[in-house]
């Protein structure tokens, strides 16, 4: 187990380094942040002084080495826009993103799991048709369009909920529901397919032939094995949501990580871009590591490989 964890941690560190490196070089070709930070009409001497102050006048490889060494110490530099540590700018948005992601993931998983189980156990019935049609529509509908439609209906027409922002529970309902629709639709379709595949396995027929109760067969022989691909899906979705759903956070003016990264890209705020992407990469790696460990709980045979 120790060797397994060490290998996963090494792969995680390598992945994070690769992502941050790519972002560093790509962000440098976006443009010159000094042009955006200074007033229109600034002379070349002012631009050169600002580039020197920001360290942008050095060779690109020198900037890269300095940036990497600082990142290893947890220092992503000072935000060009906010004149504060870039990591602080990103971390202060995490509670909002975590609240939105957690709400969407919990409700989406519960609804999707129930819908997928109903569709599998009621195969060939009207219930399966309704569930799968709804799931297909949920996956095919663009989240930004769904979010705008919900705003028009519940905020503009009915006036029940705010159009956007961050605050009380009322502000969470519309963005949470919008994200939950996609999550539940994805999980419902995958769980239904996985359950139907497991139901056709020989060991399930053997368990039924032994006279085990249908509830026992479903819980211990079908559902437990069918959850493995679903756990993978949940892990991927959780990483995406915790990394910040840029579209939803923009539509609903939600002050999350995705929105602050998008604003940093528009302003060419390199330190915030790198801090945000590094944080997202760490979240993805940690979530996937937890998913790998959970495989061994669901299927003990995986531990031996």
Protein backbone atom coordinates (compact mmCIF):
# COMPACT_ATOMS: atom_id res chain seq x y z
CA UNK A 1 0.00 0.00 0.00
CA UNK A 2 2.87 2.39 0.84
CA UNK A 3 4.52 1.83 -2.53
CA UNK A 4 1.17 2.35 -4.25
CA UNK A 5 0.59 5.66 -2.46
CA UNK A 6 4.13 6.87 -3.19
CA UNK A 7 3.75 6.07 -6.88
CA UNK A 8 0.43 7.90 -7.01
CA UNK A 9 1.92 10.92 -5.24
CA UNK A 10 4.83 10.98 -7.70
CA UNK A 11 2.43 10.83 -10.63
CA UNK A 12 0.38 13.59 -9.02
CA UNK A 13 3.40 15.86 -8.58
CA UNK A 14 4.47 15.20 -12.17
CA UNK A 15 0.98 16.03 -13.47
CA UNK A 16 0.78 19.26 -11.47
CA UNK A 17 4.24 20.31 -12.67
CA UNK A 18 3.26 19.62 -16.27
CA UNK A 19 0.02 21.59 -16.03
CA UNK A 20 1.67 24.58 -14.37
CA UNK A 21 4.49 24.56 -16.94
CA UNK A 22 2.06 24.56 -19.86
CA UNK A 23 0.03 27.36 -18.30
CA UNK A 24 3.16 29.42 -17.65
CA UNK A 25 4.28 29.42 -21.28
CA UNK A 26 0.78 29.73 -22.77
CA UNK A 27 -0.08 32.70 -20.53
CA UNK A 28 3.06 34.51 -21.69
CA UNK A 29 1.80 34.58 -25.27
CA UNK A 30 -1.57 36.10 -24.32
CA UNK A 31 -0.15 39.59 -24.40
CA UNK A 32 1.60 42.24 -22.36
CA UNK A 33 -0.11 42.92 -19.01
CA UNK A 34 1.75 46.21 -18.68
CA UNK A 35 -0.35 47.62 -21.52
CA UNK A 36 -3.53 46.82 -19.61
CA UNK A 37 -2.31 48.02 -16.23
CA UNK A 38 -1.16 51.47 -17.41
CA UNK A 39 -3.50 54.18 -18.69
CA UNK A 40 -4.10 54.54 -22.42
CA UNK A 41 -1.37 56.66 -23.98
CA UNK A 42 1.41 55.60 -21.59
CA UNK A 43 4.86 56.10 -23.08
CA UNK A 44 7.31 53.27 -23.74
CA UNK A 45 9.52 54.29 -20.80
CA UNK A 46 6.58 53.77 -18.41
CA UNK A 47 5.87 50.38 -19.92
CA UNK A 48 9.50 49.32 -19.55
CA UNK A 49 9.63 50.42 -15.90
CA UNK A 50 6.46 48.46 -15.10
CA UNK A 51 7.75 45.35 -16.91
CA UNK A 52 10.95 45.57 -14.87
CA UNK A 53 8.96 45.95 -11.64
CA UNK A 54 6.88 42.88 -12.50
CA UNK A 55 9.92 40.86 -13.61
CA UNK A 56 8.61 40.59 -17.16
CA UNK A 57 11.74 42.10 -18.72
CA UNK A 58 13.84 39.00 -17.98
CA UNK A 59 14.36 36.13 -20.45
CA UNK A 60 11.42 33.73 -20.50
CA UNK A 61 13.44 30.75 -19.23
CA UNK A 62 14.75 32.82 -16.32
CA UNK A 63 11.18 33.83 -15.48
CA UNK A 64 10.17 30.16 -15.61
CA UNK A 65 12.91 28.98 -13.24
CA UNK A 66 12.21 31.79 -10.76
CA UNK A 67 8.48 31.08 -10.94
CA UNK A 68 8.88 27.31 -10.40
CA UNK A 69 11.22 27.75 -7.42
CA UNK A 70 8.77 30.19 -5.85
CA UNK A 71 5.82 27.84 -6.45
CA UNK A 72 7.59 25.04 -4.60
CA UNK A 73 7.58 27.37 -1.59
CA UNK A 74 3.88 28.11 -2.10
CA UNK A 75 4.60 31.58 -3.45
CA UNK A 76 2.76 32.35 -6.70
CA UNK A 77 3.65 36.02 -6.65
CA UNK A 78 1.60 39.18 -6.27
CA UNK A 79 -1.55 39.64 -8.32
CA UNK A 80 -1.19 42.40 -10.91
CA UNK A 81 -4.83 43.41 -10.41
CA UNK A 82 -5.37 42.97 -6.70
CA UNK A 83 -1.81 43.77 -5.49
CA UNK A 84 -2.11 40.89 -3.03
CA UNK A 85 -0.65 37.37 -2.97
CA UNK A 86 -2.20 35.53 -5.92
CA UNK A 87 -2.82 32.35 -3.92
CA UNK A 88 -4.84 34.33 -1.36
CA UNK A 89 -6.97 35.77 -4.16
CA UNK A 90 -7.80 32.26 -5.37
CA UNK A 91 -8.21 30.59 -1.97
CA UNK A 92 -10.70 33.19 -0.75
CA UNK A 93 -13.01 32.09 -3.60
CA UNK A 94 -12.88 28.41 -2.62
CA UNK A 95 -15.70 28.52 -0.03
CA UNK A 96 -18.15 29.80 -2.64
CA UNK A 97 -17.03 27.20 -5.18
CA UNK A 98 -17.08 24.42 -2.57
CA UNK A 99 -20.61 25.34 -1.50
CA UNK A 100 -21.91 25.34 -5.07
CA UNK A 101 -20.03 22.19 -6.07
CA UNK A 102 -21.04 20.29 -2.93
CA UNK A 103 -24.71 21.18 -3.35
CA UNK A 104 -24.78 20.18 -7.01
CA UNK A 105 -22.83 16.97 -6.40
CA UNK A 106 -24.90 15.75 -3.44
CA UNK A 107 -28.32 16.40 -4.95
CA UNK A 108 -27.23 15.38 -8.45
CA UNK A 109 -25.79 12.09 -7.18
CA UNK A 110 -28.84 11.23 -5.07
CA UNK A 111 -31.32 12.02 -7.84
CA UNK A 112 -29.19 10.39 -10.54
CA UNK A 113 -28.63 7.20 -8.53
CA UNK A 114 -32.33 6.84 -7.77
CA UNK A 115 -33.30 7.52 -11.39
CA UNK A 116 -30.69 5.10 -12.76
CA UNK A 117 -31.77 2.32 -10.41
CA UNK A 118 -35.44 2.82 -11.34
CA UNK A 119 -34.61 2.72 -15.04
CA UNK A 120 -32.64 -0.52 -14.65
CA UNK A 121 -35.11 -2.30 -12.38
CA UNK A 122 -38.12 -1.20 -14.48
CA UNK A 123 -36.58 -1.96 -17.84
CA UNK A 124 -39.02 -1.86 -20.73
CA UNK A 125 -41.63 0.12 -18.81
CA UNK A 126 -42.92 3.68 -19.05
CA UNK A 127 -40.83 4.57 -15.99
CA UNK A 128 -37.61 3.69 -17.82
CA UNK A 129 -38.68 5.69 -20.88
CA UNK A 130 -39.44 8.78 -18.80
CA UNK A 131 -36.20 8.55 -16.81
CA UNK A 132 -33.95 8.00 -19.82
CA UNK A 133 -35.66 10.71 -21.87
CA UNK A 134 -35.20 13.17 -19.02
CA UNK A 135 -31.56 12.09 -18.59
CA UNK A 136 -30.86 12.50 -22.29
CA UNK A 137 -32.38 15.98 -22.29
CA UNK A 138 -30.43 16.85 -19.15
CA UNK A 139 -27.12 15.92 -20.77
CA UNK A 140 -27.91 17.53 -24.11
CA UNK A 141 -29.10 20.87 -22.72
CA UNK A 142 -26.31 23.49 -22.52
CA UNK A 143 -25.89 24.56 -18.89
CA UNK A 144 -25.63 28.25 -19.77
CA UNK A 145 -28.95 28.11 -21.66
CA UNK A 146 -30.65 26.24 -18.83
CA UNK A 147 -29.30 28.74 -16.32
CA UNK A 148 -30.57 31.70 -18.34
CA UNK A 149 -34.00 30.08 -18.73
CA UNK A 150 -34.24 29.46 -14.99
CA UNK A 151 -33.30 33.09 -14.33
CA UNK A 152 -35.97 34.33 -16.75
CA UNK A 153 -38.64 32.11 -15.21
CA UNK A 154 -37.98 32.16 -11.47
CA UNK A 155 -36.17 35.50 -11.08
CA UNK A 156 -37.54 37.79 -13.81
CA UNK A 157 -41.08 36.51 -14.41
CA UNK A 158 -42.03 35.10 -11.01
CA UNK A 159 -39.64 37.12 -8.85
CA UNK A 160 -39.17 34.23 -6.43
CA UNK A 161 -35.36 34.11 -6.50
CA UNK A 162 -32.47 36.54 -7.14
CA UNK A 163 -30.92 36.65 -10.60
CA UNK A 164 -27.43 36.11 -9.27
CA UNK A 165 -24.87 36.89 -6.62
CA UNK A 166 -23.73 35.27 -3.41
CA UNK A 167 -25.33 35.37 0.01
CA UNK A 168 -28.28 33.54 1.53
CA UNK A 169 -29.73 30.17 0.52
CA UNK A 170 -31.90 31.84 -2.12
CA UNK A 171 -28.80 32.74 -4.15
CA UNK A 172 -27.69 29.09 -4.19
CA UNK A 173 -30.88 27.51 -5.52
CA UNK A 174 -30.73 28.45 -9.22
CA UNK A 175 -27.03 27.74 -9.85
CA UNK A 176 -27.21 24.61 -7.72
CA UNK A 177 -30.21 23.26 -9.62
CA UNK A 178 -28.61 24.10 -12.97
CA UNK A 179 -25.47 22.12 -12.17
CA UNK A 180 -27.43 19.29 -10.52
CA UNK A 181 -29.35 18.64 -13.73
CA UNK A 182 -26.21 17.73 -15.67
CA UNK A 183 -24.76 15.72 -12.76
CA UNK A 184 -27.92 13.68 -12.19
CA UNK A 185 -28.43 13.02 -15.91
CA UNK A 186 -24.86 11.74 -16.35
CA UNK A 187 -25.00 9.48 -13.30
CA UNK A 188 -28.47 8.11 -14.14
CA UNK A 189 -27.46 6.98 -17.64
CA UNK A 190 -24.17 5.46 -16.50
CA UNK A 191 -25.67 3.66 -13.49
CA UNK A 192 -28.51 2.19 -15.54
CA UNK A 193 -26.05 0.80 -18.10
CA UNK A 194 -23.76 -0.54 -15.40
CA UNK A 195 -26.59 -2.20 -13.48
CA UNK A 196 -27.93 -3.91 -16.59
CA UNK A 197 -24.45 -5.26 -17.44
CA UNK A 198 -23.94 -6.64 -13.92
CA UNK A 199 -27.40 -8.25 -13.86
CA UNK A 200 -26.36 -10.45 -16.79
CA UNK A 201 -23.25 -11.78 -15.03
CA UNK A 202 -23.04 -15.48 -14.11
CA UNK A 203 -22.35 -14.84 -10.43
CA UNK A 204 -25.63 -12.91 -10.14
CA UNK A 205 -27.57 -15.82 -11.58
CA UNK A 206 -25.73 -18.13 -9.19
CA UNK A 207 -26.64 -15.95 -6.21
CA UNK A 208 -30.29 -16.02 -7.23
CA UNK A 209 -30.17 -19.78 -7.74
CA UNK A 210 -28.90 -20.19 -4.17
CA UNK A 211 -32.17 -18.68 -2.97
CA UNK A 212 -30.79 -15.36 -1.71
CA UNK A 213 -33.33 -12.61 -1.18
CA UNK A 214 -33.69 -10.22 -4.15
CA UNK A 215 -32.74 -7.31 -1.88
CA UNK A 216 -29.54 -9.07 -0.83
CA UNK A 217 -28.62 -9.94 -4.42
CA UNK A 218 -29.17 -6.37 -5.55
CA UNK A 219 -27.26 -4.68 -2.72
CA UNK A 220 -24.30 -7.04 -2.34
CA UNK A 221 -23.83 -8.50 -5.81
CA UNK A 222 -25.26 -6.00 -8.28
CA UNK A 223 -25.19 -2.49 -6.87
CA UNK A 224 -21.77 -2.81 -5.23
CA UNK A 225 -20.06 -3.80 -8.47
CA UNK A 226 -22.11 -1.43 -10.61
CA UNK A 227 -20.93 1.52 -8.53
CA UNK A 228 -17.29 1.24 -9.66
CA UNK A 229 -17.71 3.14 -12.97
CA UNK A 230 -20.15 5.51 -11.26
CA UNK A 231 -17.53 6.36 -8.63
CA UNK A 232 -15.14 7.22 -11.45
CA UNK A 233 -17.75 9.49 -13.01
CA UNK A 234 -18.46 11.18 -9.67
CA UNK A 235 -14.75 11.73 -9.13
CA UNK A 236 -14.35 13.40 -12.51
CA UNK A 237 -17.44 15.57 -12.00
CA UNK A 238 -16.33 16.52 -8.47
CA UNK A 239 -12.95 17.61 -9.76
CA UNK A 240 -14.57 19.73 -12.45
CA UNK A 241 -17.03 21.33 -10.05
CA UNK A 242 -14.45 22.05 -7.35
CA UNK A 243 -12.16 23.48 -10.00
CA UNK A 244 -14.84 26.04 -10.68
CA UNK A 245 -17.68 25.89 -13.17
CA UNK A 246 -16.75 28.93 -15.25
CA UNK A 247 -20.00 29.09 -17.23
CA UNK A 248 -22.36 28.83 -14.26
CA UNK A 249 -20.31 31.15 -12.09
CA UNK A 250 -20.35 33.71 -14.90
CA UNK A 251 -24.08 33.39 -15.63
CA UNK A 252 -25.07 33.72 -11.98
CA UNK A 253 -22.27 36.17 -10.97
CA UNK A 254 -21.10 33.56 -8.46
CA UNK A 255 -17.74 34.58 -6.90
CA UNK A 256 -15.98 31.26 -7.34
CA UNK A 257 -12.59 30.00 -8.49
CA UNK A 258 -13.62 29.55 -12.11
CA UNK A 259 -14.81 33.12 -12.38
CA UNK A 260 -11.66 34.61 -10.84
CA UNK A 261 -9.48 32.57 -13.22
CA UNK A 262 -11.50 33.80 -16.20
CA UNK A 263 -11.16 37.40 -15.00
CA UNK A 264 -7.41 36.88 -14.56
CA UNK A 265 -7.09 35.56 -18.12
CA UNK A 266 -8.91 38.60 -19.47
CA UNK A 267 -6.63 40.91 -17.46
CA UNK A 268 -3.49 38.82 -18.19
CA UNK A 269 -2.88 38.50 -14.45
CA UNK A 270 -0.24 35.74 -14.70
CA UNK A 271 0.20 35.04 -10.95
CA UNK A 272 -3.54 34.50 -10.41
CA UNK A 273 -3.80 32.33 -13.53
CA UNK A 274 -0.96 30.10 -12.34
CA UNK A 275 -2.24 29.94 -8.75
CA UNK A 276 -5.76 29.10 -9.93
CA UNK A 277 -4.69 26.42 -12.37
CA UNK A 278 -2.30 24.88 -9.84
CA UNK A 279 -5.11 24.72 -7.27
CA UNK A 280 -7.47 23.12 -9.78
CA UNK A 281 -4.79 20.56 -10.73
CA UNK A 282 -4.23 19.68 -7.07
CA UNK A 283 -7.97 19.22 -6.56
CA UNK A 284 -8.22 16.91 -9.57
CA UNK A 285 -5.26 14.84 -8.39
CA UNK A 286 -6.54 14.51 -4.81
CA UNK A 287 -10.05 13.56 -5.95
CA UNK A 288 -8.73 10.93 -8.35
CA UNK A 289 -6.44 9.51 -5.65
CA UNK A 290 -9.44 9.18 -3.32
CA UNK A 291 -11.37 7.48 -6.11
CA UNK A 292 -8.54 4.96 -6.62
CA UNK A 293 -8.54 4.16 -2.90
CA UNK A 294 -12.32 3.79 -2.89
CA UNK A 295 -12.08 1.15 -5.64
CA UNK A 296 -10.44 -1.18 -3.14
CA UNK A 297 -13.36 -0.74 -0.75
CA UNK A 298 -15.96 -1.53 -3.41
CA UNK A 299 -14.01 -4.43 -4.92
CA UNK A 300 -11.30 -6.02 -2.69
CA UNK A 301 -9.85 -7.80 -5.74
CA UNK A 302 -8.50 -4.48 -6.99
CA UNK A 303 -6.19 -4.19 -3.96
CA UNK A 304 -4.23 -7.20 -5.12
CA UNK A 305 -3.29 -5.59 -8.47
